Amino acid sequence: MLLTRSLALLLCLLASPLWAAGDAHHEGVPVKPIIYAAINFATLLIVLSLALRKPLKEFFSSRKLLISQDIEESSKLKQAAQDKYQDFEQRLKNITQESQSLVEELKKTGELEKAKLLEEAMAHAEALRKNAQTMMNQELIKAKEALKRESVKLASELAEELLRQNFNAEDQKRVVEKYLSKMEALA
């Protein structure tokens, strides 16, 4: 590196006197200044190429490596994005089928639930009918019993009234004698 810089400095020093010695008042096209400028430019290029060779080489190689890594990463990301896209597209296709199957399943479940509710309602109605029938029978029995009691009461009252009106002392004597004779026969 030091050698390269030294060589570049030496070339610059050599080119300077040549440049200064040029005749600026020549008639026609001045050739010497063009030659000196070309030498200066060539020297500059040589110095720059020698001085910047290693850093430029390192820069470009690292840049090449970085770009290749970026390209690899981009291709991986692109592949991942394509995979996700295909996955989403497949899921989108499947979602239509899933929604149709879900609708059908819900319809079947609804029909089963409807049938179950109807069956439960029918069973409940039958139970209510039986319960009402039982209650009606019980009420009928109670009403018959009440009617019997009332009939017996009325019959006994009527019989008592009839006995009072039609039963005299002679009938009473005859009933008592009959009762006593039955008791004697049993004893």
N, C-alpha and C. Protein backbone atom coordinates (compact mmCIF):
# COMPACT_ATOMS: atom_id res chain seq x y z
N MET A 1 0.82 -1.18 0.00
CA MET A 1 0.00 0.00 0.00
C MET A 1 0.88 1.26 0.00
N LEU A 2 1.91 1.23 0.81
CA LEU A 2 2.84 2.37 0.88
C LEU A 2 3.56 2.54 -0.45
N LEU A 3 3.93 1.46 -1.07
CA LEU A 3 4.61 1.51 -2.37
C LEU A 3 3.70 2.11 -3.42
N THR A 4 2.44 1.75 -3.40
CA THR A 4 1.48 2.27 -4.37
C THR A 4 1.32 3.77 -4.20
N ARG A 5 1.25 4.22 -2.99
CA ARG A 5 1.08 5.66 -2.74
C ARG A 5 2.34 6.44 -3.14
N SER A 6 3.45 5.84 -2.87
CA SER A 6 4.71 6.51 -3.25
C SER A 6 4.83 6.64 -4.75
N LEU A 7 4.48 5.60 -5.45
CA LEU A 7 4.54 5.62 -6.90
C LEU A 7 3.57 6.66 -7.46
N ALA A 8 2.39 6.74 -6.89
CA ALA A 8 1.40 7.72 -7.35
C ALA A 8 1.91 9.13 -7.10
N LEU A 9 2.52 9.36 -5.99
CA LEU A 9 3.04 10.69 -5.67
C LEU A 9 4.17 11.06 -6.63
N LEU A 10 5.04 10.15 -6.94
CA LEU A 10 6.14 10.39 -7.87
C LEU A 10 5.63 10.74 -9.26
N LEU A 11 4.60 10.03 -9.73
CA LEU A 11 4.03 10.34 -11.04
C LEU A 11 3.41 11.73 -11.06
N CYS A 12 2.75 12.09 -9.98
CA CYS A 12 2.14 13.42 -9.91
C CYS A 12 3.23 14.50 -9.96
N LEU A 13 4.33 14.26 -9.28
CA LEU A 13 5.42 15.25 -9.26
C LEU A 13 6.09 15.37 -10.63
N LEU A 14 6.19 14.27 -11.34
CA LEU A 14 6.79 14.31 -12.67
C LEU A 14 5.87 15.00 -13.67
N ALA A 15 4.58 14.82 -13.51
CA ALA A 15 3.64 15.40 -14.46
C ALA A 15 3.52 16.90 -14.27
N SER A 16 3.71 17.39 -13.10
CA SER A 16 3.56 18.83 -12.81
C SER A 16 4.54 19.69 -13.60
N PRO A 17 5.85 19.39 -13.63
CA PRO A 17 6.74 20.26 -14.40
C PRO A 17 6.44 20.21 -15.88
N LEU A 18 6.02 19.05 -16.33
CA LEU A 18 5.71 18.96 -17.74
C LEU A 18 4.51 19.85 -18.07
N TRP A 19 3.60 19.89 -17.23
CA TRP A 19 2.41 20.71 -17.40
C TRP A 19 2.76 22.18 -17.36
N ALA A 20 3.60 22.53 -16.43
CA ALA A 20 3.99 23.92 -16.28
C ALA A 20 4.85 24.39 -17.46
N ALA A 21 5.59 23.50 -18.09
CA ALA A 21 6.49 23.88 -19.16
C ALA A 21 5.77 24.08 -20.48
N GLY A 22 4.54 23.78 -20.50
CA GLY A 22 3.78 23.88 -21.75
C GLY A 22 3.69 25.31 -22.24
N ASP A 23 3.70 25.48 -23.59
CA ASP A 23 3.63 26.79 -24.18
C ASP A 23 2.17 27.10 -24.44
N ALA A 24 1.66 28.04 -23.76
CA ALA A 24 0.25 28.35 -23.84
C ALA A 24 -0.06 29.24 -25.04
N HIS A 25 0.97 29.88 -25.67
CA HIS A 25 0.71 30.84 -26.75
C HIS A 25 1.09 30.29 -28.11
N HIS A 26 0.99 29.08 -28.32
CA HIS A 26 1.29 28.46 -29.60
C HIS A 26 0.17 28.68 -30.56
N GLU A 27 0.47 28.77 -31.78
CA GLU A 27 -0.54 28.94 -32.80
C GLU A 27 -1.03 27.57 -33.22
N GLY A 28 -2.31 27.52 -33.49
CA GLY A 28 -2.90 26.25 -33.89
C GLY A 28 -3.36 25.46 -32.67
N VAL A 29 -3.38 24.22 -32.82
CA VAL A 29 -3.85 23.35 -31.72
C VAL A 29 -2.66 23.04 -30.84
N PRO A 30 -2.73 23.38 -29.60
CA PRO A 30 -1.62 23.09 -28.70
C PRO A 30 -1.60 21.60 -28.40
N VAL A 31 -0.55 20.93 -28.73
CA VAL A 31 -0.42 19.50 -28.58
C VAL A 31 0.13 19.16 -27.21
N LYS A 32 1.08 19.92 -26.76
CA LYS A 32 1.71 19.60 -25.48
C LYS A 32 0.70 19.60 -24.32
N PRO A 33 -0.14 20.59 -24.18
CA PRO A 33 -1.08 20.54 -23.03
C PRO A 33 -2.00 19.33 -23.09
N ILE A 34 -2.38 18.89 -24.26
CA ILE A 34 -3.25 17.71 -24.38
C ILE A 34 -2.49 16.48 -23.95
N ILE A 35 -1.20 16.40 -24.36
CA ILE A 35 -0.39 15.25 -23.97
C ILE A 35 -0.21 15.25 -22.46
N TYR A 36 0.07 16.42 -21.92
CA TYR A 36 0.27 16.51 -20.46
C TYR A 36 -1.02 16.17 -19.69
N ALA A 37 -2.12 16.62 -20.23
CA ALA A 37 -3.40 16.31 -19.58
C ALA A 37 -3.67 14.81 -19.65
N ALA A 38 -3.32 14.20 -20.78
CA ALA A 38 -3.51 12.76 -20.93
C ALA A 38 -2.63 12.00 -19.96
N ILE A 39 -1.36 12.48 -19.83
CA ILE A 39 -0.44 11.83 -18.88
C ILE A 39 -0.98 11.99 -17.46
N ASN A 40 -1.42 13.20 -17.12
CA ASN A 40 -2.00 13.45 -15.78
C ASN A 40 -3.21 12.53 -15.53
N PHE A 41 -4.05 12.42 -16.54
CA PHE A 41 -5.26 11.59 -16.39
C PHE A 41 -4.88 10.12 -16.23
N ALA A 42 -3.91 9.65 -17.03
CA ALA A 42 -3.46 8.27 -16.94
C ALA A 42 -2.84 8.02 -15.59
N THR A 43 -2.03 8.99 -15.12
CA THR A 43 -1.40 8.86 -13.81
C THR A 43 -2.48 8.77 -12.72
N LEU A 44 -3.47 9.64 -12.83
CA LEU A 44 -4.56 9.62 -11.86
C LEU A 44 -5.29 8.28 -11.86
N LEU A 45 -5.51 7.76 -13.07
CA LEU A 45 -6.19 6.46 -13.17
C LEU A 45 -5.35 5.35 -12.55
N ILE A 46 -4.04 5.38 -12.83
CA ILE A 46 -3.15 4.34 -12.29
C ILE A 46 -3.11 4.43 -10.77
N VAL A 47 -2.99 5.66 -10.28
CA VAL A 47 -2.92 5.86 -8.82
C VAL A 47 -4.23 5.41 -8.18
N LEU A 48 -5.35 5.84 -8.76
CA LEU A 48 -6.64 5.46 -8.20
C LEU A 48 -6.86 3.96 -8.25
N SER A 49 -6.48 3.34 -9.38
CA SER A 49 -6.68 1.91 -9.49
C SER A 49 -5.80 1.15 -8.52
N LEU A 50 -4.52 1.64 -8.35
CA LEU A 50 -3.64 0.97 -7.38
C LEU A 50 -4.10 1.22 -5.95
N ALA A 51 -4.56 2.40 -5.66
CA ALA A 51 -4.94 2.74 -4.29
C ALA A 51 -6.30 2.14 -3.91
N LEU A 52 -7.18 2.07 -4.87
CA LEU A 52 -8.52 1.63 -4.55
C LEU A 52 -8.82 0.18 -4.94
N ARG A 53 -7.83 -0.52 -5.46
CA ARG A 53 -8.05 -1.88 -5.94
C ARG A 53 -8.57 -2.79 -4.82
N LYS A 54 -7.84 -2.84 -3.72
CA LYS A 54 -8.22 -3.74 -2.63
C LYS A 54 -9.55 -3.31 -1.99
N PRO A 55 -9.73 -2.04 -1.63
CA PRO A 55 -11.03 -1.66 -1.03
C PRO A 55 -12.19 -1.88 -1.99
N LEU A 56 -11.98 -1.55 -3.31
CA LEU A 56 -13.04 -1.77 -4.27
C LEU A 56 -13.35 -3.26 -4.43
N LYS A 57 -12.27 -4.07 -4.45
CA LYS A 57 -12.45 -5.51 -4.58
C LYS A 57 -13.23 -6.03 -3.38
N GLU A 58 -12.87 -5.59 -2.18
CA GLU A 58 -13.57 -6.01 -0.97
C GLU A 58 -15.02 -5.50 -0.98
N PHE A 59 -15.19 -4.25 -1.39
CA PHE A 59 -16.52 -3.67 -1.44
C PHE A 59 -17.42 -4.44 -2.40
N PHE A 60 -16.91 -4.69 -3.62
CA PHE A 60 -17.72 -5.37 -4.61
C PHE A 60 -17.98 -6.83 -4.25
N SER A 61 -16.96 -7.48 -3.63
CA SER A 61 -17.19 -8.87 -3.23
C SER A 61 -18.21 -8.94 -2.09
N SER A 62 -18.09 -8.01 -1.13
CA SER A 62 -19.08 -8.00 -0.04
C SER A 62 -20.46 -7.61 -0.58
N ARG A 63 -20.47 -6.69 -1.52
CA ARG A 63 -21.73 -6.26 -2.14
C ARG A 63 -22.35 -7.42 -2.91
N LYS A 64 -21.50 -8.18 -3.64
CA LYS A 64 -21.98 -9.33 -4.38
C LYS A 64 -22.56 -10.37 -3.42
N LEU A 65 -21.87 -10.60 -2.31
CA LEU A 65 -22.34 -11.55 -1.32
C LEU A 65 -23.66 -11.08 -0.71
N LEU A 66 -23.73 -9.81 -0.40
CA LEU A 66 -24.94 -9.24 0.19
C LEU A 66 -26.12 -9.34 -0.79
N ILE A 67 -25.84 -9.02 -2.06
CA ILE A 67 -26.90 -9.10 -3.08
C ILE A 67 -27.36 -10.54 -3.26
N SER A 68 -26.40 -11.48 -3.29
CA SER A 68 -26.79 -12.89 -3.46
C SER A 68 -27.59 -13.37 -2.25
N GLN A 69 -27.22 -12.90 -1.05
CA GLN A 69 -27.99 -13.27 0.14
C GLN A 69 -29.41 -12.66 0.07
N ASP A 70 -29.46 -11.41 -0.38
CA ASP A 70 -30.76 -10.76 -0.53
C ASP A 70 -31.62 -11.48 -1.56
N ILE A 71 -30.98 -11.93 -2.65
CA ILE A 71 -31.72 -12.66 -3.68
C ILE A 71 -32.24 -13.98 -3.12
N GLU A 72 -31.39 -14.69 -2.37
CA GLU A 72 -31.82 -15.95 -1.76
C GLU A 72 -32.97 -15.72 -0.78
N GLU A 73 -32.81 -14.71 0.05
CA GLU A 73 -33.86 -14.40 1.04
C GLU A 73 -35.15 -13.99 0.33
N SER A 74 -35.01 -13.20 -0.73
CA SER A 74 -36.19 -12.79 -1.49
C SER A 74 -36.89 -13.98 -2.13
N SER A 75 -36.08 -14.91 -2.67
CA SER A 75 -36.69 -16.08 -3.29
C SER A 75 -37.37 -16.96 -2.25
N LYS A 76 -36.77 -17.04 -1.04
CA LYS A 76 -37.41 -17.81 0.03
C LYS A 76 -38.72 -17.13 0.45
N LEU A 77 -38.68 -15.81 0.59
CA LEU A 77 -39.89 -15.07 0.95
C LEU A 77 -40.96 -15.20 -0.13
N LYS A 78 -40.50 -15.16 -1.39
CA LYS A 78 -41.44 -15.31 -2.50
C LYS A 78 -42.08 -16.69 -2.46
N GLN A 79 -41.26 -17.71 -2.21
CA GLN A 79 -41.78 -19.08 -2.14
C GLN A 79 -42.75 -19.22 -0.97
N ALA A 80 -42.39 -18.63 0.16
CA ALA A 80 -43.29 -18.68 1.33
C ALA A 80 -44.60 -17.96 1.03
N ALA A 81 -44.52 -16.83 0.36
CA ALA A 81 -45.72 -16.08 0.00
C ALA A 81 -46.58 -16.89 -0.98
N GLN A 82 -45.93 -17.54 -1.94
CA GLN A 82 -46.67 -18.37 -2.90
C GLN A 82 -47.35 -19.55 -2.18
N ASP A 83 -46.62 -20.15 -1.23
CA ASP A 83 -47.20 -21.25 -0.46
C ASP A 83 -48.41 -20.78 0.33
N LYS A 84 -48.27 -19.61 0.96
CA LYS A 84 -49.40 -19.06 1.73
C LYS A 84 -50.57 -18.75 0.79
N TYR A 85 -50.25 -18.20 -0.36
CA TYR A 85 -51.29 -17.87 -1.34
C TYR A 85 -52.04 -19.14 -1.75
N GLN A 86 -51.28 -20.19 -2.06
CA GLN A 86 -51.91 -21.44 -2.45
C GLN A 86 -52.73 -22.03 -1.30
N ASP A 87 -52.19 -21.92 -0.08
CA ASP A 87 -52.91 -22.41 1.10
C ASP A 87 -54.22 -21.65 1.27
N PHE A 88 -54.16 -20.31 1.15
CA PHE A 88 -55.37 -19.51 1.28
C PHE A 88 -56.36 -19.80 0.16
N GLU A 89 -55.83 -19.99 -1.03
CA GLU A 89 -56.71 -20.30 -2.15
C GLU A 89 -57.40 -21.65 -1.94
N GLN A 90 -56.63 -22.61 -1.43
CA GLN A 90 -57.20 -23.93 -1.14
C GLN A 90 -58.24 -23.83 -0.03
N ARG A 91 -57.92 -23.03 0.99
CA ARG A 91 -58.87 -22.85 2.10
C ARG A 91 -60.13 -22.14 1.60
N LEU A 92 -59.96 -21.21 0.67
CA LEU A 92 -61.11 -20.50 0.11
C LEU A 92 -62.00 -21.47 -0.66
N LYS A 93 -61.36 -22.37 -1.43
CA LYS A 93 -62.14 -23.38 -2.14
C LYS A 93 -62.85 -24.30 -1.14
N ASN A 94 -62.11 -24.68 -0.10
CA ASN A 94 -62.67 -25.59 0.90
C ASN A 94 -63.75 -24.90 1.74
N ILE A 95 -63.63 -23.60 1.92
CA ILE A 95 -64.60 -22.89 2.76
C ILE A 95 -65.99 -22.94 2.14
N THR A 96 -66.05 -22.93 0.83
CA THR A 96 -67.34 -23.04 0.15
C THR A 96 -67.96 -24.40 0.43
N GLN A 97 -67.13 -25.43 0.29
CA GLN A 97 -67.61 -26.79 0.56
C GLN A 97 -67.97 -26.92 2.05
N GLU A 98 -67.13 -26.37 2.91
CA GLU A 98 -67.38 -26.46 4.34
C GLU A 98 -68.67 -25.74 4.71
N SER A 99 -68.89 -24.58 4.10
CA SER A 99 -70.11 -23.84 4.41
C SER A 99 -71.34 -24.61 3.94
N GLN A 100 -71.26 -25.24 2.76
CA GLN A 100 -72.37 -26.04 2.27
C GLN A 100 -72.63 -27.23 3.18
N SER A 101 -71.56 -27.91 3.59
CA SER A 101 -71.74 -29.06 4.47
C SER A 101 -72.26 -28.61 5.84
N LEU A 102 -71.81 -27.44 6.30
CA LEU A 102 -72.29 -26.91 7.57
C LEU A 102 -73.77 -26.58 7.49
N VAL A 103 -74.18 -25.98 6.37
CA VAL A 103 -75.60 -25.66 6.18
C VAL A 103 -76.42 -26.94 6.17
N GLU A 104 -75.95 -27.95 5.46
CA GLU A 104 -76.67 -29.22 5.41
C GLU A 104 -76.73 -29.87 6.78
N GLU A 105 -75.61 -29.82 7.49
CA GLU A 105 -75.58 -30.40 8.84
C GLU A 105 -76.54 -29.66 9.76
N LEU A 106 -76.56 -28.33 9.63
CA LEU A 106 -77.49 -27.54 10.46
C LEU A 106 -78.94 -27.86 10.11
N LYS A 107 -79.21 -28.06 8.81
CA LYS A 107 -80.57 -28.44 8.41
C LYS A 107 -80.95 -29.78 9.02
N LYS A 108 -80.03 -30.76 8.94
CA LYS A 108 -80.31 -32.07 9.51
C LYS A 108 -80.53 -31.96 11.01
N THR A 109 -79.67 -31.19 11.67
CA THR A 109 -79.80 -31.00 13.11
C THR A 109 -81.13 -30.33 13.43
N GLY A 110 -81.49 -29.34 12.63
CA GLY A 110 -82.77 -28.66 12.82
C GLY A 110 -83.95 -29.60 12.65
N GLU A 111 -83.88 -30.44 11.61
CA GLU A 111 -84.96 -31.41 11.39
C GLU A 111 -85.05 -32.39 12.56
N LEU A 112 -83.89 -32.87 13.02
CA LEU A 112 -83.88 -33.79 14.16
C LEU A 112 -84.43 -33.11 15.41
N GLU A 113 -84.04 -31.88 15.61
CA GLU A 113 -84.51 -31.11 16.77
C GLU A 113 -86.01 -30.87 16.65
N LYS A 114 -86.47 -30.57 15.45
CA LYS A 114 -87.90 -30.36 15.22
C LYS A 114 -88.68 -31.63 15.53
N ALA A 115 -88.17 -32.76 15.02
CA ALA A 115 -88.83 -34.04 15.28
C ALA A 115 -88.83 -34.35 16.78
N LYS A 116 -87.72 -34.09 17.42
CA LYS A 116 -87.61 -34.33 18.86
C LYS A 116 -88.59 -33.45 19.63
N LEU A 117 -88.67 -32.17 19.24
CA LEU A 117 -89.59 -31.25 19.91
C LEU A 117 -91.04 -31.68 19.69
N LEU A 118 -91.36 -32.10 18.46
CA LEU A 118 -92.71 -32.57 18.17
C LEU A 118 -93.04 -33.80 19.00
N GLU A 119 -92.08 -34.71 19.08
CA GLU A 119 -92.28 -35.92 19.86
C GLU A 119 -92.49 -35.58 21.34
N GLU A 120 -91.67 -34.67 21.85
CA GLU A 120 -91.82 -34.25 23.24
C GLU A 120 -93.16 -33.56 23.46
N ALA A 121 -93.56 -32.72 22.49
CA ALA A 121 -94.85 -32.03 22.61
C ALA A 121 -96.00 -33.03 22.59
N MET A 122 -95.91 -34.03 21.71
CA MET A 122 -96.95 -35.05 21.65
C MET A 122 -97.00 -35.84 22.96
N ALA A 123 -95.83 -36.20 23.48
CA ALA A 123 -95.78 -36.93 24.75
C ALA A 123 -96.36 -36.07 25.87
N HIS A 124 -96.01 -34.79 25.87
CA HIS A 124 -96.52 -33.88 26.89
C HIS A 124 -98.04 -33.73 26.76
N ALA A 125 -98.52 -33.60 25.53
CA ALA A 125 -99.96 -33.48 25.30
C ALA A 125 -100.68 -34.76 25.76
N GLU A 126 -100.09 -35.91 25.47
CA GLU A 126 -100.68 -37.18 25.89
C GLU A 126 -100.70 -37.28 27.41
N ALA A 127 -99.61 -36.84 28.04
CA ALA A 127 -99.55 -36.85 29.51
C ALA A 127 -100.61 -35.91 30.08
N LEU A 128 -100.76 -34.73 29.47
CA LEU A 128 -101.79 -33.79 29.93
C LEU A 128 -103.18 -34.37 29.75
N ARG A 129 -103.41 -35.04 28.62
CA ARG A 129 -104.71 -35.66 28.36
C ARG A 129 -104.99 -36.74 29.39
N LYS A 130 -103.99 -37.59 29.66
CA LYS A 130 -104.18 -38.65 30.66
C LYS A 130 -104.42 -38.04 32.04
N ASN A 131 -103.66 -37.00 32.35
CA ASN A 131 -103.81 -36.34 33.64
C ASN A 131 -105.20 -35.73 33.75
N ALA A 132 -105.65 -35.08 32.68
CA ALA A 132 -106.99 -34.49 32.68
C ALA A 132 -108.05 -35.57 32.81
N GLN A 133 -107.84 -36.69 32.11
CA GLN A 133 -108.79 -37.81 32.18
C GLN A 133 -108.85 -38.35 33.60
N THR A 134 -107.67 -38.51 34.23
CA THR A 134 -107.61 -39.01 35.60
C THR A 134 -108.31 -38.05 36.55
N MET A 135 -108.01 -36.76 36.38
CA MET A 135 -108.64 -35.76 37.24
C MET A 135 -110.15 -35.75 37.02
N MET A 136 -110.58 -35.90 35.78
CA MET A 136 -112.00 -35.91 35.46
C MET A 136 -112.67 -37.14 36.11
N ASN A 137 -112.00 -38.30 36.01
CA ASN A 137 -112.53 -39.52 36.63
C ASN A 137 -112.63 -39.35 38.14
N GLN A 138 -111.58 -38.76 38.74
CA GLN A 138 -111.60 -38.54 40.19
C GLN A 138 -112.72 -37.58 40.58
N GLU A 139 -112.88 -36.52 39.81
CA GLU A 139 -113.95 -35.58 40.09
C GLU A 139 -115.32 -36.24 39.91
N LEU A 140 -115.42 -37.11 38.91
CA LEU A 140 -116.67 -37.84 38.67
C LEU A 140 -116.99 -38.75 39.84
N ILE A 141 -115.95 -39.45 40.33
CA ILE A 141 -116.12 -40.34 41.48
C ILE A 141 -116.54 -39.52 42.69
N LYS A 142 -115.86 -38.37 42.91
CA LYS A 142 -116.22 -37.50 44.03
C LYS A 142 -117.66 -37.02 43.90
N ALA A 143 -118.03 -36.64 42.68
CA ALA A 143 -119.39 -36.16 42.45
C ALA A 143 -120.40 -37.27 42.70
N LYS A 144 -120.10 -38.52 42.26
CA LYS A 144 -120.99 -39.66 42.50
C LYS A 144 -121.13 -39.92 43.99
N GLU A 145 -119.99 -39.87 44.69
CA GLU A 145 -120.01 -40.09 46.14
C GLU A 145 -120.84 -39.01 46.81
N ALA A 146 -120.62 -37.77 46.41
CA ALA A 146 -121.40 -36.68 46.99
C ALA A 146 -122.88 -36.86 46.67
N LEU A 147 -123.16 -37.28 45.45
CA LEU A 147 -124.55 -37.52 45.04
C LEU A 147 -125.17 -38.66 45.86
N LYS A 148 -124.38 -39.74 46.08
CA LYS A 148 -124.86 -40.86 46.88
C LYS A 148 -125.17 -40.40 48.30
N ARG A 149 -124.20 -39.64 48.87
CA ARG A 149 -124.41 -39.15 50.24
C ARG A 149 -125.67 -38.30 50.31
N GLU A 150 -125.80 -37.43 49.33
CA GLU A 150 -126.97 -36.56 49.30
C GLU A 150 -128.23 -37.39 49.12
N SER A 151 -128.16 -38.40 48.24
CA SER A 151 -129.33 -39.27 48.00
C SER A 151 -129.69 -40.05 49.26
N VAL A 152 -128.66 -40.59 49.93
CA VAL A 152 -128.90 -41.35 51.16
C VAL A 152 -129.50 -40.43 52.22
N LYS A 153 -128.94 -39.23 52.32
CA LYS A 153 -129.43 -38.28 53.30
C LYS A 153 -130.90 -37.95 53.02
N LEU A 154 -131.16 -37.65 51.74
CA LEU A 154 -132.53 -37.31 51.37
C LEU A 154 -133.47 -38.51 51.56
N ALA A 155 -132.98 -39.71 51.21
CA ALA A 155 -133.79 -40.92 51.36
C ALA A 155 -134.08 -41.19 52.83
N SER A 156 -133.05 -41.03 53.66
CA SER A 156 -133.25 -41.27 55.09
C SER A 156 -134.21 -40.24 55.68
N GLU A 157 -134.05 -38.98 55.24
CA GLU A 157 -134.96 -37.95 55.72
C GLU A 157 -136.39 -38.25 55.27
N LEU A 158 -136.51 -38.68 54.00
CA LEU A 158 -137.83 -39.02 53.47
C LEU A 158 -138.42 -40.22 54.20
N ALA A 159 -137.55 -41.24 54.43
CA ALA A 159 -138.01 -42.45 55.12
C ALA A 159 -138.42 -42.10 56.55
N GLU A 160 -137.67 -41.28 57.18
CA GLU A 160 -137.97 -40.87 58.56
C GLU A 160 -139.31 -40.13 58.59
N GLU A 161 -139.47 -39.27 57.62
CA GLU A 161 -140.72 -38.51 57.53
C GLU A 161 -141.89 -39.45 57.29
N LEU A 162 -141.68 -40.41 56.39
CA LEU A 162 -142.73 -41.37 56.09
C LEU A 162 -143.03 -42.24 57.30
N LEU A 163 -141.98 -42.64 57.99
CA LEU A 163 -142.18 -43.46 59.19
C LEU A 163 -142.94 -42.67 60.24
N ARG A 164 -142.66 -41.44 60.40
CA ARG A 164 -143.35 -40.62 61.39
C ARG A 164 -144.83 -40.50 61.03
N GLN A 165 -145.04 -40.35 59.77
CA GLN A 165 -146.43 -40.17 59.35
C GLN A 165 -147.19 -41.50 59.38
N ASN A 166 -146.55 -42.58 58.96
CA ASN A 166 -147.26 -43.84 58.81
C ASN A 166 -147.00 -44.84 59.95
N PHE A 167 -146.09 -44.64 60.79
CA PHE A 167 -145.73 -45.60 61.84
C PHE A 167 -146.49 -45.22 63.11
N ASN A 168 -147.28 -46.12 63.54
CA ASN A 168 -148.06 -45.84 64.74
C ASN A 168 -147.56 -46.71 65.87
N ALA A 169 -148.26 -46.68 67.01
CA ALA A 169 -147.82 -47.39 68.20
C ALA A 169 -147.93 -48.88 68.01
N GLU A 170 -148.89 -49.32 67.28
CA GLU A 170 -149.08 -50.75 67.02
C GLU A 170 -147.95 -51.28 66.16
N ASP A 171 -147.56 -50.54 65.14
CA ASP A 171 -146.44 -50.94 64.27
C ASP A 171 -145.16 -50.97 65.07
N GLN A 172 -145.05 -50.06 65.96
CA GLN A 172 -143.82 -49.98 66.77
C GLN A 172 -143.77 -51.21 67.68
N LYS A 173 -144.86 -51.61 68.27
CA LYS A 173 -144.91 -52.76 69.16
C LYS A 173 -144.56 -54.01 68.38
N ARG A 174 -145.10 -54.18 67.21
CA ARG A 174 -144.84 -55.34 66.37
C ARG A 174 -143.37 -55.41 65.97
N VAL A 175 -142.72 -54.32 65.62
CA VAL A 175 -141.29 -54.30 65.23
C VAL A 175 -140.45 -54.69 66.44
N VAL A 176 -140.79 -54.21 67.63
CA VAL A 176 -140.00 -54.51 68.83
C VAL A 176 -140.12 -56.00 69.14
N GLU A 177 -141.30 -56.58 69.02
CA GLU A 177 -141.49 -58.01 69.32
C GLU A 177 -140.72 -58.86 68.31
N LYS A 178 -140.76 -58.49 67.09
CA LYS A 178 -140.03 -59.22 66.04
C LYS A 178 -138.53 -59.20 66.32
N TYR A 179 -138.05 -58.04 66.74
CA TYR A 179 -136.62 -57.88 67.04
C TYR A 179 -136.24 -58.74 68.25
N LEU A 180 -137.04 -58.77 69.25
CA LEU A 180 -136.74 -59.54 70.46
C LEU A 180 -136.79 -61.04 70.15
N SER A 181 -137.70 -61.47 69.31
CA SER A 181 -137.77 -62.88 68.98
C SER A 181 -136.54 -63.32 68.17
N LYS A 182 -136.06 -62.48 67.37
CA LYS A 182 -134.83 -62.79 66.60
C LYS A 182 -133.64 -62.88 67.54
N MET A 183 -133.62 -62.03 68.53
CA MET A 183 -132.52 -62.03 69.48
C MET A 183 -132.56 -63.27 70.34
N GLU A 184 -133.73 -63.72 70.72
CA GLU A 184 -133.87 -64.91 71.52
C GLU A 184 -133.45 -66.12 70.71
N ALA A 185 -133.78 -66.13 69.45
CA ALA A 185 -133.42 -67.27 68.60
C ALA A 185 -131.89 -67.33 68.42
N LEU A 186 -131.27 -66.26 68.44
CA LEU A 186 -129.82 -66.24 68.29
C LEU A 186 -129.13 -66.62 69.60
N ALA A 187 -129.71 -66.32 70.71
CA ALA A 187 -129.07 -66.56 72.00
C ALA A 187 -129.23 -67.96 72.43
